[in-house]
Amino acid sequence: MRRQLPILALTGALALVSPAAALSADPATNPRVDAVLTDDAVTVTEAGKTVLVYRTKSLDPTAEPGRLNYVHPLYAPDGTVLTEDRPADHLHQRGAFWSWHQVLVNGKSIGDGWFMKGLTFHVREKRFKGDVQGGGTLTVNADWIVTSGPELDYVARETTRVRVYALKDGARRIDFDTLITSRVDALGLGGSDDA
């Protein structure tokens, strides 16, 4: 029997501050957070400026088919890029991402979510909804698919909500909330082998 209980919920908040002057609270001069959804990404914007890009497909599916389901670039209110994708000293790093070095089923290692070995994601659904305060929430549903065995095996469903608040007094708040629901009887997640 497959369990559909949440095995993990991750929540985080990020506050981005810019020395730039605060924008007016007048809705006519303070544009709302919005999003453009395409096949490979969701671009969240405010006042025509990109706030973040959520990658829903790999930029190079032949070389790195599992390199998706993360945020890059993420911008500070002044336009500074805050994230890196695949820096030389941390090749597994992909912008703002949440992943597990060890993915186990029934105690057996079946994949590595840092280096995307034996595991990939399939973004099933993405949607954006604005709110009355001028911000909005991006919701992404992704399947975790094990590719290390003779058959593809669907082991988890991940729902991530990225709440982007409107710029206020030169600062922006972004909340990340991730829920991982196991689709197998015994899904285990862990960090590095030495931890």
C-alpha atoms as a PDB file:
ATOM      1  CA  MET A   1       0.000   0.000   0.000  1.00  0.00           C
ATOM      2  CA  ARG A   2       1.331   3.411  -0.913  1.00  0.00           C
ATOM      3  CA  ARG A   3       1.349   6.028   1.835  1.00  0.00           C
ATOM      4  CA  GLN A   4       0.376   9.548   1.057  1.00  0.00           C
ATOM      5  CA  LEU A   5       1.468  11.145   4.295  1.00  0.00           C
ATOM      6  CA  PRO A   6       3.812  14.104   4.178  1.00  0.00           C
ATOM      7  CA  ILE A   7       7.302  12.978   5.124  1.00  0.00           C
ATOM      8  CA  LEU A   8       8.930  16.345   5.190  1.00  0.00           C
ATOM      9  CA  ALA A   9       7.959  19.979   5.197  1.00  0.00           C
ATOM     10  CA  LEU A  10      10.595  22.663   4.727  1.00  0.00           C
ATOM     11  CA  THR A  11       9.864  26.306   5.303  1.00  0.00           C
ATOM     12  CA  GLY A  12      12.185  29.230   4.922  1.00  0.00           C
ATOM     13  CA  ALA A  13      12.037  32.968   4.495  1.00  0.00           C
ATOM     14  CA  LEU A  14      14.390  35.302   2.727  1.00  0.00           C
ATOM     15  CA  ALA A  15      14.451  39.066   3.115  1.00  0.00           C
ATOM     16  CA  LEU A  16      16.159  41.045   0.386  1.00  0.00           C
ATOM     17  CA  VAL A  17      17.067  44.653   1.111  1.00  0.00           C
ATOM     18  CA  SER A  18      18.169  47.384  -1.245  1.00  0.00           C
ATOM     19  CA  PRO A  19      19.522  50.821  -0.366  1.00  0.00           C
ATOM     20  CA  ALA A  20      17.236  52.217  -3.052  1.00  0.00           C
ATOM     21  CA  ALA A  21      14.483  54.559  -1.961  1.00  0.00           C
ATOM     22  CA  ALA A  22      11.163  53.024  -0.998  1.00  0.00           C
ATOM     23  CA  LEU A  23       8.394  52.923  -3.561  1.00  0.00           C
ATOM     24  CA  SER A  24       5.097  54.678  -3.010  1.00  0.00           C
ATOM     25  CA  ALA A  25       2.270  52.659  -1.493  1.00  0.00           C
ATOM     26  CA  ASP A  26      -0.051  54.039  -4.184  1.00  0.00           C
ATOM     27  CA  PRO A  27      -1.172  51.015  -6.266  1.00  0.00           C
ATOM     28  CA  ALA A  28      -1.128  53.128  -9.422  1.00  0.00           C
ATOM     29  CA  THR A  29       2.626  53.702  -9.027  1.00  0.00           C
ATOM     30  CA  ASN A  30       3.477  50.442  -7.265  1.00  0.00           C
ATOM     31  CA  PRO A  31       3.005  47.568  -9.752  1.00  0.00           C
ATOM     32  CA  ARG A  32       2.021  44.128  -8.565  1.00  0.00           C
ATOM     33  CA  VAL A  33       4.138  41.000  -8.514  1.00  0.00           C
ATOM     34  CA  ASP A  34       3.278  38.917 -11.571  1.00  0.00           C
ATOM     35  CA  ALA A  35       4.599  35.848 -13.376  1.00  0.00           C
ATOM     36  CA  VAL A  36       5.213  34.614 -16.901  1.00  0.00           C
ATOM     37  CA  LEU A  37       4.881  30.837 -17.242  1.00  0.00           C
ATOM     38  CA  THR A  38       6.728  29.158 -20.132  1.00  0.00           C
ATOM     39  CA  ASP A  39       7.616  25.541 -20.873  1.00  0.00           C
ATOM     40  CA  ASP A  40      11.017  25.740 -19.193  1.00  0.00           C
ATOM     41  CA  ALA A  41      10.629  28.317 -16.418  1.00  0.00           C
ATOM     42  CA  VAL A  42       8.460  30.677 -14.426  1.00  0.00           C
ATOM     43  CA  THR A  43       9.724  34.255 -14.335  1.00  0.00           C
ATOM     44  CA  VAL A  44       8.371  36.290 -11.415  1.00  0.00           C
ATOM     45  CA  THR A  45       8.475  40.054 -11.974  1.00  0.00           C
ATOM     46  CA  GLU A  46       7.507  43.353 -10.411  1.00  0.00           C
ATOM     47  CA  ALA A  47       7.440  46.692 -12.264  1.00  0.00           C
ATOM     48  CA  GLY A  48       8.933  45.001 -15.323  1.00  0.00           C
ATOM     49  CA  LYS A  49      11.990  43.777 -13.389  1.00  0.00           C
ATOM     50  CA  THR A  50      12.732  40.111 -12.824  1.00  0.00           C
ATOM     51  CA  VAL A  51      12.573  39.044  -9.168  1.00  0.00           C
ATOM     52  CA  LEU A  52      13.421  35.364  -9.711  1.00  0.00           C
ATOM     53  CA  VAL A  53      13.331  32.561 -12.259  1.00  0.00           C
ATOM     54  CA  TYR A  54      12.099  29.109 -11.210  1.00  0.00           C
ATOM     55  CA  ARG A  55      13.585  26.457 -13.539  1.00  0.00           C
ATOM     56  CA  THR A  56      10.982  23.846 -14.488  1.00  0.00           C
ATOM     57  CA  LYS A  57      13.048  22.142 -17.228  1.00  0.00           C
ATOM     58  CA  SER A  58      16.753  21.537 -17.615  1.00  0.00           C
ATOM     59  CA  LEU A  59      18.713  24.140 -19.581  1.00  0.00           C
ATOM     60  CA  ASP A  60      20.673  21.245 -21.136  1.00  0.00           C
ATOM     61  CA  PRO A  61      18.480  18.119 -21.023  1.00  0.00           C
ATOM     62  CA  THR A  62      21.042  15.979 -22.859  1.00  0.00           C
ATOM     63  CA  ALA A  63      23.929  16.676 -20.465  1.00  0.00           C
ATOM     64  CA  GLU A  64      21.968  17.218 -17.229  1.00  0.00           C
ATOM     65  CA  PRO A  65      18.375  15.989 -17.549  1.00  0.00           C
ATOM     66  CA  GLY A  66      17.618  16.311 -13.818  1.00  0.00           C
ATOM     67  CA  ARG A  67      18.943  19.838 -13.321  1.00  0.00           C
ATOM     68  CA  LEU A  68      15.616  21.572 -12.740  1.00  0.00           C
ATOM     69  CA  ASN A  69      13.197  22.417  -9.926  1.00  0.00           C
ATOM     70  CA  TYR A  70      15.205  25.313  -8.435  1.00  0.00           C
ATOM     71  CA  VAL A  71      15.424  29.122  -8.443  1.00  0.00           C
ATOM     72  CA  HIS A  72      18.128  30.906 -10.461  1.00  0.00           C
ATOM     73  CA  PRO A  73      18.694  33.713 -10.869  1.00  0.00           C
ATOM     74  CA  LEU A  74      17.347  35.356  -7.728  1.00  0.00           C
ATOM     75  CA  TYR A  75      17.711  39.141  -7.718  1.00  0.00           C
ATOM     76  CA  ALA A  76      18.119  41.685  -4.920  1.00  0.00           C
ATOM     77  CA  PRO A  77      15.825  44.729  -5.205  1.00  0.00           C
ATOM     78  CA  ASP A  78      18.713  46.711  -6.755  1.00  0.00           C
ATOM     79  CA  GLY A  79      19.119  44.110  -9.536  1.00  0.00           C
ATOM     80  CA  THR A  80      22.152  42.302  -8.117  1.00  0.00           C
ATOM     81  CA  VAL A  81      22.112  38.562  -8.876  1.00  0.00           C
ATOM     82  CA  LEU A  82      22.290  36.735  -5.531  1.00  0.00           C
ATOM     83  CA  THR A  83      22.556  33.121  -6.699  1.00  0.00           C
ATOM     84  CA  GLU A  84      25.021  31.053  -8.706  1.00  0.00           C
ATOM     85  CA  ASP A  85      24.348  28.059 -10.909  1.00  0.00           C
ATOM     86  CA  ARG A  86      27.083  25.419 -10.941  1.00  0.00           C
ATOM     87  CA  PRO A  87      29.994  27.397  -9.453  1.00  0.00           C
ATOM     88  CA  ALA A  88      33.403  25.713  -9.891  1.00  0.00           C
ATOM     89  CA  ASP A  89      33.774  24.921  -6.175  1.00  0.00           C
ATOM     90  CA  HIS A  90      30.240  23.499  -5.772  1.00  0.00           C
ATOM     91  CA  LEU A  91      29.158  21.884  -9.045  1.00  0.00           C
ATOM     92  CA  HIS A  92      26.020  20.458  -7.424  1.00  0.00           C
ATOM     93  CA  GLN A  93      24.833  23.961  -6.405  1.00  0.00           C
ATOM     94  CA  ARG A  94      21.931  25.331  -8.407  1.00  0.00           C
ATOM     95  CA  GLY A  95      20.778  28.737  -7.251  1.00  0.00           C
ATOM     96  CA  ALA A  96      18.318  28.437  -4.379  1.00  0.00           C
ATOM     97  CA  PHE A  97      17.569  24.715  -4.201  1.00  0.00           C
ATOM     98  CA  TRP A  98      16.452  22.144  -1.683  1.00  0.00           C
ATOM     99  CA  SER A  99      17.783  18.678  -2.263  1.00  0.00           C
ATOM    100  CA  TRP A 100      19.010  15.557  -0.511  1.00  0.00           C
ATOM    101  CA  HIS A 101      22.383  13.924  -1.051  1.00  0.00           C
ATOM    102  CA  GLN A 102      20.947  10.552  -0.067  1.00  0.00           C
ATOM    103  CA  VAL A 103      17.617   9.259  -1.350  1.00  0.00           C
ATOM    104  CA  LEU A 104      16.787   5.783  -0.050  1.00  0.00           C
ATOM    105  CA  VAL A 105      13.916   3.371  -0.620  1.00  0.00           C
ATOM    106  CA  ASN A 106      13.576   0.528   1.900  1.00  0.00           C
ATOM    107  CA  GLY A 107      17.018   1.440   3.273  1.00  0.00           C
ATOM    108  CA  LYS A 108      18.728   1.109  -0.127  1.00  0.00           C
ATOM    109  CA  SER A 109      20.381   4.103  -1.785  1.00  0.00           C
ATOM    110  CA  ILE A 110      18.625   4.767  -5.088  1.00  0.00           C
ATOM    111  CA  GLY A 111      19.690   8.308  -5.948  1.00  0.00           C
ATOM    112  CA  ASP A 112      21.633  11.456  -5.188  1.00  0.00           C
ATOM    113  CA  GLY A 113      19.624  14.670  -5.292  1.00  0.00           C
ATOM    114  CA  TRP A 114      22.674  16.944  -5.131  1.00  0.00           C
ATOM    115  CA  PHE A 115      24.331  15.584  -8.265  1.00  0.00           C
ATOM    116  CA  MET A 116      21.085  14.256  -9.785  1.00  0.00           C
ATOM    117  CA  LYS A 117      22.389  10.708 -10.120  1.00  0.00           C
ATOM    118  CA  GLY A 118      19.692   8.063 -10.347  1.00  0.00           C
ATOM    119  CA  LEU A 119      16.985  10.662  -9.744  1.00  0.00           C
ATOM    120  CA  THR A 120      15.169  13.249 -11.797  1.00  0.00           C
ATOM    121  CA  PHE A 121      12.175  15.527 -11.420  1.00  0.00           C
ATOM    122  CA  HIS A 122       9.142  15.962 -13.607  1.00  0.00           C
ATOM    123  CA  VAL A 123       7.282  19.231 -13.067  1.00  0.00           C
ATOM    124  CA  ARG A 124       3.665  18.202 -13.305  1.00  0.00           C
ATOM    125  CA  GLU A 125       2.032  21.565 -12.615  1.00  0.00           C
ATOM    126  CA  LYS A 126       2.957  25.215 -12.091  1.00  0.00           C
ATOM    127  CA  ARG A 127       0.628  28.081 -11.297  1.00  0.00           C
ATOM    128  CA  PHE A 128       0.830  31.626  -9.999  1.00  0.00           C
ATOM    129  CA  LYS A 129      -1.796  33.565  -8.072  1.00  0.00           C
ATOM    130  CA  GLY A 130      -1.544  37.218  -7.113  1.00  0.00           C
ATOM    131  CA  ASP A 131      -2.949  38.525  -3.849  1.00  0.00           C
ATOM    132  CA  VAL A 132      -4.609  41.731  -2.674  1.00  0.00           C
ATOM    133  CA  GLN A 133      -1.408  42.981  -1.014  1.00  0.00           C
ATOM    134  CA  GLY A 134       0.374  43.129  -4.399  1.00  0.00           C
ATOM    135  CA  GLY A 135       2.433  39.964  -3.944  1.00  0.00           C
ATOM    136  CA  GLY A 136       1.784  36.481  -5.217  1.00  0.00           C
ATOM    137  CA  THR A 137       2.462  32.786  -4.768  1.00  0.00           C
ATOM    138  CA  LEU A 138       4.018  30.397  -7.254  1.00  0.00           C
ATOM    139  CA  THR A 139       3.040  26.763  -6.670  1.00  0.00           C
ATOM    140  CA  VAL A 140       5.003  23.977  -8.360  1.00  0.00           C
ATOM    141  CA  ASN A 141       4.153  20.266  -8.156  1.00  0.00           C
ATOM    142  CA  ALA A 142       7.021  17.966  -9.128  1.00  0.00           C
ATOM    143  CA  ASP A 143       7.325  14.191  -9.195  1.00  0.00           C
ATOM    144  CA  TRP A 144      10.537  12.534  -7.991  1.00  0.00           C
ATOM    145  CA  ILE A 145      11.434   9.769 -10.428  1.00  0.00           C
ATOM    146  CA  VAL A 146      14.160   7.183  -9.784  1.00  0.00           C
ATOM    147  CA  THR A 147      16.146   6.389 -12.923  1.00  0.00           C
ATOM    148  CA  SER A 148      18.797   4.082 -11.402  1.00  0.00           C
ATOM    149  CA  GLY A 149      16.868   0.831 -11.802  1.00  0.00           C
ATOM    150  CA  PRO A 150      15.619  -1.123 -14.796  1.00  0.00           C
ATOM    151  CA  GLU A 151      12.310   0.765 -14.671  1.00  0.00           C
ATOM    152  CA  LEU A 152      11.388   4.332 -13.805  1.00  0.00           C
ATOM    153  CA  ASP A 153       9.943   4.474 -10.298  1.00  0.00           C
ATOM    154  CA  TYR A 154       7.842   7.357  -8.992  1.00  0.00           C
ATOM    155  CA  VAL A 155       8.846   7.723  -5.320  1.00  0.00           C
ATOM    156  CA  ALA A 156       7.597  11.122  -4.126  1.00  0.00           C
ATOM    157  CA  ARG A 157       5.539  14.198  -4.929  1.00  0.00           C
ATOM    158  CA  GLU A 158       6.962  17.586  -4.011  1.00  0.00           C
ATOM    159  CA  THR A 159       4.830  20.698  -3.670  1.00  0.00           C
ATOM    160  CA  THR A 160       6.777  23.932  -3.398  1.00  0.00           C
ATOM    161  CA  ARG A 161       5.211  27.321  -2.785  1.00  0.00           C
ATOM    162  CA  VAL A 162       7.279  30.442  -3.346  1.00  0.00           C
ATOM    163  CA  ARG A 163       5.521  33.475  -1.862  1.00  0.00           C
ATOM    164  CA  VAL A 164       6.930  36.734  -3.242  1.00  0.00           C
ATOM    165  CA  TYR A 165       5.912  39.874  -1.379  1.00  0.00           C
ATOM    166  CA  ALA A 166       5.698  43.284  -3.010  1.00  0.00           C
ATOM    167  CA  LEU A 167       8.710  45.534  -2.580  1.00  0.00           C
ATOM    168  CA  LYS A 168       8.277  47.661   0.555  1.00  0.00           C
ATOM    169  CA  ASP A 169      10.671  50.312   1.864  1.00  0.00           C
ATOM    170  CA  GLY A 170      13.398  49.006  -0.458  1.00  0.00           C
ATOM    171  CA  ALA A 171      13.110  45.427   0.836  1.00  0.00           C
ATOM    172  CA  ARG A 172      11.469  42.262  -0.423  1.00  0.00           C
ATOM    173  CA  ARG A 173      10.454  39.152   1.489  1.00  0.00           C
ATOM    174  CA  ILE A 174      10.305  35.739  -0.166  1.00  0.00           C
ATOM    175  CA  ASP A 175       9.020  32.616   1.617  1.00  0.00           C
ATOM    176  CA  PHE A 176       9.839  29.084   0.435  1.00  0.00           C
ATOM    177  CA  ASP A 177       7.604  26.250   1.642  1.00  0.00           C
ATOM    178  CA  THR A 178       8.242  22.692   0.428  1.00  0.00           C
ATOM    179  CA  LEU A 179       6.219  19.574   1.229  1.00  0.00           C
ATOM    180  CA  ILE A 180       7.532  16.152   0.158  1.00  0.00           C
ATOM    181  CA  THR A 181       4.982  13.330   0.141  1.00  0.00           C
ATOM    182  CA  SER A 182       6.281   9.767  -0.121  1.00  0.00           C
ATOM    183  CA  ARG A 183       4.740   7.498  -2.755  1.00  0.00           C
ATOM    184  CA  VAL A 184       6.572   4.419  -1.465  1.00  0.00           C
ATOM    185  CA  ASP A 185       6.398   2.598   1.865  1.00  0.00           C
ATOM    186  CA  ALA A 186       9.853   3.588   3.129  1.00  0.00           C
ATOM    187  CA  LEU A 187      11.409   6.718   1.639  1.00  0.00           C
ATOM    188  CA  GLY A 188      14.489   8.005   3.434  1.00  0.00           C
ATOM    189  CA  LEU A 189      16.353  11.281   2.919  1.00  0.00           C
ATOM    190  CA  GLY A 190      19.773  12.248   4.199  1.00  0.00           C
ATOM    191  CA  GLY A 191      22.727  14.570   3.899  1.00  0.00           C
ATOM    192  CA  SER A 192      26.324  13.603   3.202  1.00  0.00           C
ATOM    193  CA  ASP A 193      27.642  10.186   4.243  1.00  0.00           C
ATOM    194  CA  ASP A 194      29.903  11.708   6.897  1.00  0.00           C
ATOM    195  CA  ALA A 195      27.155  13.638   8.668  1.00  0.00           C
END
